[in-house]
Amino acid sequence: MSKPNNLAKKFGPPTMELKKENPEKTYSFKGELARGKYAVIKRCQETKTKKNLVAKLIKYDKDTEKIAVQEYEIMKDLKHDRLLTVRDAFHVRKYVVIMMDIVEGKNCLEFLGDKPRANEEDAAFVMRQTLDALKYLHSNNIVHLDVRPANLMVKKDYTLKLIDYGCARKITNEGGDLVDAVGVTEFADCNRTTIYSM
C-alpha cells in the first residue's frame, strides 16, 4: 500500500493536496445520508464558519486504494456550475475524506413527478443541464458512467447538479481506453459502443 506522502507522487501533482490531518479538527460530522459499497456520505459542518457541507468517506486499503484516490483526482479540478465542487480533502487512517457542497433538492424523477403535468419543456430543462455537465466532463476526458435519475439533483433554485463520481474514469489516450462495466445495470448502455455513452 502506498504511504500517504507518496499519493501525490503516484497520481501526479494535485491542485488541492490531500491533507494528512484529522478532519475532525476542522469539521463536525453529523448524520449519515447514504452508504455504498466503499463509501459513506455524511452531513458535516465547518466549525469556524458554520458552513454546511457533505463529506464522502471512501474506504482506503489495499483493495480500495485506487478507487479512493481516483475519485479525488477526478473531482479536485472540476470547475463547473452543474458539478460538485471539492472544498477540502483529507487522507487519514483508513479513509480518503472529500468535503463537498451540499445539494438540497430533489432528484430529476422526483422533480418531474411533483409537477401536475410534466411536459417536454420540463424534460428538456433537465436534459439541457445534464448535457451541459457531460459536455464539460468529456471535454476534460472524463466519463461519468453512472448518469441516472438518483445522480441528477435539481436544487431549489432550479439548477441541476450531476453528483456521485465514484464510477467516473479519466480517459488517458487518444484512441480511448477500454472502460470496465460500472454503474447500475438498469441505466447502462445496452450497446456499449463507445466510451462516451455517458
Protein backbone atom coordinates (compact mmCIF):
# COMPACT_ATOMS: atom_id res chain seq x y z
CA MET A 1 0.00 0.00 0.00
CA SER A 2 1.26 3.49 -0.80
CA LYS A 3 2.09 5.69 2.14
CA PRO A 4 0.04 8.93 2.32
CA ASN A 5 3.01 11.12 1.39
CA ASN A 6 3.52 9.08 -1.78
CA LEU A 7 0.00 9.69 -3.11
CA ALA A 8 0.88 12.89 -4.99
CA LYS A 9 3.96 11.25 -6.49
CA LYS A 10 1.97 8.22 -7.66
CA PHE A 11 -1.03 10.05 -9.11
CA GLY A 12 0.55 13.33 -10.23
CA PRO A 13 0.71 16.74 -8.51
CA PRO A 14 -2.81 17.63 -7.34
CA THR A 15 -4.26 21.12 -7.44
CA MET A 16 -5.57 20.55 -3.93
CA GLU A 17 -3.35 18.41 -1.74
CA LEU A 18 -4.86 15.67 0.39
CA LYS A 19 -4.30 16.88 3.93
CA LYS A 20 -2.82 14.36 6.35
CA GLU A 21 -4.52 15.82 9.43
CA ASN A 22 -7.68 14.67 11.18
CA PRO A 23 -10.70 16.39 9.53
CA GLU A 24 -12.48 16.45 12.90
CA LYS A 25 -10.14 19.29 13.90
CA THR A 26 -11.91 21.49 11.33
CA TYR A 27 -15.31 19.87 10.81
CA SER A 28 -18.01 18.32 12.95
CA PHE A 29 -19.65 15.27 11.40
CA LYS A 30 -23.43 14.89 11.54
CA GLY A 31 -25.89 12.22 10.43
CA GLU A 32 -25.36 9.68 7.69
CA LEU A 33 -27.06 10.46 4.37
CA ALA A 34 -26.16 7.41 2.31
CA ARG A 35 -23.95 4.34 2.30
CA GLY A 36 -22.41 2.42 -0.61
CA LYS A 37 -20.02 -0.47 -1.11
CA TYR A 38 -16.88 1.57 -0.44
CA ALA A 39 -18.12 4.90 0.91
CA VAL A 40 -20.33 6.67 3.42
CA ILE A 41 -21.88 10.12 2.87
CA LYS A 42 -22.36 12.30 5.95
CA ARG A 43 -23.51 15.80 6.66
CA CYS A 44 -20.80 17.93 8.20
CA GLN A 45 -20.24 21.50 9.31
CA GLU A 46 -17.11 23.62 9.23
CA THR A 47 -16.55 24.52 12.87
CA LYS A 48 -15.28 28.06 12.31
CA THR A 49 -17.73 29.29 9.66
CA LYS A 50 -20.71 27.01 10.46
CA LYS A 51 -20.94 26.28 6.72
CA ASN A 52 -22.86 23.07 5.99
CA LEU A 53 -21.17 20.61 3.65
CA VAL A 54 -21.26 16.94 2.72
CA ALA A 55 -18.38 14.59 3.49
CA LYS A 56 -17.73 11.47 1.44
CA LEU A 57 -15.63 9.00 3.42
CA ILE A 58 -14.11 6.50 0.99
CA LYS A 59 -12.52 3.36 2.39
CA TYR A 60 -8.75 3.28 1.78
CA ASP A 61 -6.95 -0.07 1.99
CA LYS A 62 -5.02 -2.35 -0.34
CA ASP A 63 -8.24 -3.29 -2.15
CA THR A 64 -9.77 0.19 -2.46
CA GLU A 65 -6.70 2.44 -2.69
CA LYS A 66 -7.06 3.05 -6.43
CA ILE A 67 -10.82 3.70 -6.21
CA ALA A 68 -10.48 6.19 -3.35
CA VAL A 69 -7.69 8.25 -4.86
CA GLN A 70 -9.14 8.07 -8.39
CA GLU A 71 -12.38 9.74 -7.31
CA TYR A 72 -10.47 12.50 -5.54
CA GLU A 73 -8.16 13.02 -8.52
CA ILE A 74 -11.14 13.40 -10.86
CA MET A 75 -13.09 15.73 -8.58
CA LYS A 76 -10.35 18.08 -7.38
CA ASP A 77 -10.10 20.04 -10.65
CA LEU A 78 -13.80 20.17 -11.60
CA LYS A 79 -14.98 23.75 -12.03
CA HIS A 80 -18.49 23.89 -13.46
CA ASP A 81 -21.91 25.09 -12.30
CA ARG A 82 -23.50 21.69 -12.98
CA LEU A 83 -20.93 19.71 -10.98
CA LEU A 84 -19.98 19.40 -7.33
CA THR A 85 -17.05 21.44 -6.03
CA VAL A 86 -14.48 19.94 -3.67
CA ARG A 87 -13.92 22.28 -0.71
CA ASP A 88 -11.39 20.22 1.23
CA ALA A 89 -9.85 16.74 1.19
CA PHE A 90 -8.04 14.51 3.65
CA HIS A 91 -6.27 11.19 3.85
CA VAL A 92 -6.47 9.93 7.41
CA ARG A 93 -6.12 6.43 8.76
CA LYS A 94 -8.18 4.14 6.50
CA TYR A 95 -10.17 6.80 4.63
CA VAL A 96 -9.96 9.44 1.95
CA VAL A 97 -12.41 12.15 3.04
CA ILE A 98 -13.76 14.57 0.42
CA MET A 99 -15.67 17.67 1.54
CA MET A 100 -18.20 18.97 -0.98
CA ASP A 101 -21.01 21.49 -1.24
CA ILE A 102 -24.32 20.15 -0.01
CA VAL A 103 -27.05 19.83 -2.66
CA GLU A 104 -30.53 20.45 -1.25
CA GLY A 105 -33.28 19.45 -3.64
CA LYS A 106 -34.87 16.50 -5.44
CA ASN A 107 -33.60 14.04 -7.98
CA CYS A 108 -34.86 14.65 -11.51
CA LEU A 109 -37.59 11.98 -11.34
CA GLU A 110 -38.98 13.43 -8.12
CA PHE A 111 -38.75 16.91 -9.63
CA LEU A 112 -40.71 15.90 -12.74
CA GLY A 113 -43.11 13.68 -10.78
CA ASP A 114 -44.11 16.55 -8.49
CA LYS A 115 -45.35 18.60 -11.42
CA PRO A 116 -49.12 18.32 -12.09
CA ARG A 117 -48.40 17.83 -15.79
CA ALA A 118 -44.75 17.36 -16.68
CA ASN A 119 -44.22 18.11 -20.36
CA GLU A 120 -41.47 18.14 -22.99
CA GLU A 121 -40.29 21.55 -21.84
CA ASP A 122 -39.73 20.22 -18.31
CA ALA A 123 -37.82 17.20 -19.63
CA ALA A 124 -35.76 19.44 -21.91
CA PHE A 125 -34.90 21.61 -18.89
CA VAL A 126 -33.35 18.57 -17.18
CA MET A 127 -31.66 17.29 -20.35
CA ARG A 128 -30.07 20.62 -21.30
CA GLN A 129 -28.37 20.96 -17.93
CA THR A 130 -27.35 17.30 -17.86
CA LEU A 131 -25.77 17.58 -21.31
CA ASP A 132 -24.04 20.78 -20.24
CA ALA A 133 -22.38 18.85 -17.39
CA LEU A 134 -21.43 15.93 -19.63
CA LYS A 135 -20.01 18.22 -22.32
CA TYR A 136 -17.67 19.73 -19.73
CA LEU A 137 -16.60 16.32 -18.40
CA HIS A 138 -15.99 14.90 -21.88
CA SER A 139 -14.00 17.98 -22.91
CA ASN A 140 -11.72 17.14 -19.98
CA ASN A 141 -11.50 13.47 -21.00
CA ILE A 142 -13.66 12.33 -18.09
CA VAL A 143 -16.56 9.90 -18.41
CA HIS A 144 -19.11 9.76 -15.57
CA LEU A 145 -20.50 6.26 -16.29
CA ASP A 146 -23.32 6.48 -13.74
CA VAL A 147 -25.80 9.00 -15.16
CA ARG A 148 -29.22 8.09 -13.73
CA PRO A 149 -32.09 9.92 -12.01
CA ALA A 150 -30.66 9.46 -8.50
CA ASN A 151 -27.49 11.30 -9.56
CA LEU A 152 -29.26 14.26 -11.19
CA MET A 153 -30.27 16.64 -8.42
CA VAL A 154 -32.47 19.67 -9.09
CA LYS A 155 -31.90 22.36 -6.46
CA LYS A 156 -34.49 24.76 -5.08
CA ASP A 157 -33.23 27.47 -7.43
CA TYR A 158 -33.98 25.15 -10.40
CA THR A 159 -30.35 24.46 -11.22
CA LEU A 160 -29.21 20.89 -11.76
CA LYS A 161 -26.15 19.17 -10.31
CA LEU A 162 -24.68 15.91 -11.59
CA ILE A 163 -23.42 14.11 -8.48
CA ASP A 164 -21.54 10.93 -7.46
CA TYR A 165 -18.24 10.44 -9.30
CA GLY A 166 -17.46 7.03 -7.81
CA CYS A 167 -17.70 5.34 -11.24
CA ALA A 168 -16.08 8.19 -13.21
CA ARG A 169 -12.92 7.50 -15.19
CA LYS A 170 -10.24 9.65 -16.82
CA ILE A 171 -9.52 8.63 -20.42
CA THR A 172 -5.78 8.90 -20.94
CA ASN A 173 -5.17 8.11 -24.62
CA GLU A 174 -6.48 9.41 -27.93
CA GLY A 175 -7.89 6.06 -29.01
CA GLY A 176 -9.99 5.88 -25.86
CA ASP A 177 -9.34 3.49 -23.00
CA LEU A 178 -11.47 0.41 -22.58
CA VAL A 179 -13.67 1.05 -19.57
CA ASP A 180 -14.95 -1.70 -17.30
CA ALA A 181 -18.70 -2.07 -16.88
CA VAL A 182 -19.62 0.02 -13.86
CA GLY A 183 -22.70 1.77 -12.54
CA VAL A 184 -26.24 0.44 -12.25
CA THR A 185 -27.36 -2.19 -14.76
CA GLU A 186 -30.82 -0.67 -15.30
CA PHE A 187 -29.26 2.54 -16.63
CA ALA A 188 -26.29 1.08 -18.51
CA ASP A 189 -25.91 1.49 -22.27
CA CYS A 190 -27.13 -1.83 -23.71
CA ASN A 191 -24.96 -1.40 -26.83
CA ARG A 192 -21.81 -0.13 -25.08
CA THR A 193 -20.46 1.01 -28.44
CA THR A 194 -18.45 3.97 -27.22
CA ILE A 195 -16.70 5.19 -24.11
CA TYR A 196 -18.76 8.37 -24.42
CA SER A 197 -22.04 6.57 -23.72
CA MET A 198 -22.00 8.82 -20.65
